[in-house]
Amino acid sequence: MATAAERVRAITGRILGIDPADIKPEHSFAVDLGAESIQSVELVAMFEQEFGIEMDEDEALAVETVGEAIEYITRLCREQGVEI
């Protein structure tokens, strides 16, 4: 099974039309990857579906980089008892 980081990059790449191999943890969703607000909401929904977790939308949309998203999702999985 893919790691949390690989899964986050795959979803981000699919939503934003970017090769997942080109997505780095330090990349900002908006500035570096060009995510618009509707795409950010779509990313949150896809992350919830992929990982089987519930995210607070305001908290999730405050996450700026891919690395922060990986950390946030990993923490939520732990808190919600979801295996990664």
C-alpha atoms as a PDB file:
ATOM      1  CA  MET A   1       0.000   0.000   0.000  1.00  0.00           C
ATOM      2  CA  ALA A   2       1.146   3.527  -0.762  1.00  0.00           C
ATOM      3  CA  THR A   3       2.356   5.819   2.009  1.00  0.00           C
ATOM      4  CA  ALA A   4       0.305   8.789   3.176  1.00  0.00           C
ATOM      5  CA  ALA A   5       2.684  11.101   1.289  1.00  0.00           C
ATOM      6  CA  GLU A   6       2.308   9.129  -1.942  1.00  0.00           C
ATOM      7  CA  ARG A   7      -1.468   9.125  -1.613  1.00  0.00           C
ATOM      8  CA  VAL A   8      -1.587  12.894  -0.938  1.00  0.00           C
ATOM      9  CA  ARG A   9       0.663  13.578  -3.948  1.00  0.00           C
ATOM     10  CA  ALA A  10      -1.422  11.281  -6.184  1.00  0.00           C
ATOM     11  CA  ILE A  11      -4.696  13.009  -5.273  1.00  0.00           C
ATOM     12  CA  THR A  12      -3.147  16.464  -5.559  1.00  0.00           C
ATOM     13  CA  GLY A  13      -1.744  15.592  -8.975  1.00  0.00           C
ATOM     14  CA  ARG A  14      -5.073  14.221 -10.186  1.00  0.00           C
ATOM     15  CA  ILE A  15      -7.073  17.262  -9.034  1.00  0.00           C
ATOM     16  CA  LEU A  16      -4.558  19.855 -10.236  1.00  0.00           C
ATOM     17  CA  GLY A  17      -3.379  18.083 -13.389  1.00  0.00           C
ATOM     18  CA  ILE A  18       0.245  17.794 -12.229  1.00  0.00           C
ATOM     19  CA  ASP A  19       2.568  14.784 -12.314  1.00  0.00           C
ATOM     20  CA  PRO A  20       2.689  13.542  -8.677  1.00  0.00           C
ATOM     21  CA  ALA A  21       6.450  13.034  -9.046  1.00  0.00           C
ATOM     22  CA  ASP A  22       6.810  16.814  -9.473  1.00  0.00           C
ATOM     23  CA  ILE A  23       4.966  17.596  -6.209  1.00  0.00           C
ATOM     24  CA  LYS A  24       7.264  18.295  -3.248  1.00  0.00           C
ATOM     25  CA  PRO A  25       6.399  18.633   0.478  1.00  0.00           C
ATOM     26  CA  GLU A  26       7.454  22.286   0.503  1.00  0.00           C
ATOM     27  CA  HIS A  27       5.109  23.218  -2.363  1.00  0.00           C
ATOM     28  CA  SER A  28       2.273  25.568  -1.511  1.00  0.00           C
ATOM     29  CA  PHE A  29      -1.053  24.383  -2.916  1.00  0.00           C
ATOM     30  CA  ALA A  30      -2.022  27.893  -4.060  1.00  0.00           C
ATOM     31  CA  VAL A  31       1.287  29.601  -4.867  1.00  0.00           C
ATOM     32  CA  ASP A  32       3.409  26.750  -6.274  1.00  0.00           C
ATOM     33  CA  LEU A  33       0.747  24.369  -7.582  1.00  0.00           C
ATOM     34  CA  GLY A  34      -1.879  26.912  -8.663  1.00  0.00           C
ATOM     35  CA  ALA A  35      -4.827  25.517  -6.688  1.00  0.00           C
ATOM     36  CA  GLU A  36      -7.887  27.751  -6.804  1.00  0.00           C
ATOM     37  CA  SER A  37     -10.412  27.855  -3.968  1.00  0.00           C
ATOM     38  CA  ILE A  38     -12.816  25.358  -5.574  1.00  0.00           C
ATOM     39  CA  GLN A  39      -9.928  22.948  -6.139  1.00  0.00           C
ATOM     40  CA  SER A  40      -8.893  23.321  -2.504  1.00  0.00           C
ATOM     41  CA  VAL A  41     -12.392  22.283  -1.393  1.00  0.00           C
ATOM     42  CA  GLU A  42     -12.254  19.363  -3.834  1.00  0.00           C
ATOM     43  CA  LEU A  43      -8.865  18.301  -2.416  1.00  0.00           C
ATOM     44  CA  VAL A  44     -10.293  18.269   1.122  1.00  0.00           C
ATOM     45  CA  ALA A  45     -13.215  16.091  -0.017  1.00  0.00           C
ATOM     46  CA  MET A  46     -10.910  13.681  -1.868  1.00  0.00           C
ATOM     47  CA  PHE A  47      -8.523  13.411   1.104  1.00  0.00           C
ATOM     48  CA  GLU A  48     -11.469  12.598   3.370  1.00  0.00           C
ATOM     49  CA  GLN A  49     -12.675   9.929   0.966  1.00  0.00           C
ATOM     50  CA  GLU A  50      -9.223   8.440   0.337  1.00  0.00           C
ATOM     51  CA  PHE A  51      -8.267   8.188   4.010  1.00  0.00           C
ATOM     52  CA  GLY A  52     -11.737   7.586   5.483  1.00  0.00           C
ATOM     53  CA  ILE A  53     -11.479  10.554   7.844  1.00  0.00           C
ATOM     54  CA  GLU A  54     -13.515  13.615   8.763  1.00  0.00           C
ATOM     55  CA  MET A  55     -11.769  16.970   8.411  1.00  0.00           C
ATOM     56  CA  ASP A  56     -12.754  20.323   9.854  1.00  0.00           C
ATOM     57  CA  GLU A  57     -13.128  22.342   6.640  1.00  0.00           C
ATOM     58  CA  ASP A  58     -11.714  25.596   8.053  1.00  0.00           C
ATOM     59  CA  GLU A  59      -8.732  23.763   9.572  1.00  0.00           C
ATOM     60  CA  ALA A  60      -8.122  21.806   6.374  1.00  0.00           C
ATOM     61  CA  LEU A  61      -8.319  24.873   4.138  1.00  0.00           C
ATOM     62  CA  ALA A  62      -5.789  26.658   6.379  1.00  0.00           C
ATOM     63  CA  VAL A  63      -3.165  24.047   5.459  1.00  0.00           C
ATOM     64  CA  GLU A  64      -0.834  25.703   2.961  1.00  0.00           C
ATOM     65  CA  THR A  65       1.778  23.166   1.864  1.00  0.00           C
ATOM     66  CA  VAL A  66       1.773  19.557   0.750  1.00  0.00           C
ATOM     67  CA  GLY A  67       3.997  18.631   3.708  1.00  0.00           C
ATOM     68  CA  GLU A  68       1.581  20.275   6.158  1.00  0.00           C
ATOM     69  CA  ALA A  69      -1.288  18.356   4.535  1.00  0.00           C
ATOM     70  CA  ILE A  70       0.555  15.056   5.001  1.00  0.00           C
ATOM     71  CA  GLU A  71       1.202  15.856   8.680  1.00  0.00           C
ATOM     72  CA  TYR A  72      -2.400  17.011   9.224  1.00  0.00           C
ATOM     73  CA  ILE A  73      -3.905  13.929   7.571  1.00  0.00           C
ATOM     74  CA  THR A  74      -1.532  11.598   9.444  1.00  0.00           C
ATOM     75  CA  ARG A  75      -2.525  13.224  12.760  1.00  0.00           C
ATOM     76  CA  LEU A  76      -6.245  12.971  11.967  1.00  0.00           C
ATOM     77  CA  CYS A  77      -5.878   9.310  11.008  1.00  0.00           C
ATOM     78  CA  ARG A  78      -4.223   8.627  14.371  1.00  0.00           C
ATOM     79  CA  GLU A  79      -6.877  10.602  16.272  1.00  0.00           C
ATOM     80  CA  GLN A  80      -9.744   8.931  14.401  1.00  0.00           C
ATOM     81  CA  GLY A  81      -8.266   5.426  14.631  1.00  0.00           C
ATOM     82  CA  VAL A  82      -7.744   5.043  10.896  1.00  0.00           C
ATOM     83  CA  GLU A  83      -4.814   2.950   9.726  1.00  0.00           C
ATOM     84  CA  ILE A  84      -2.701   4.521   7.003  1.00  0.00           C
END
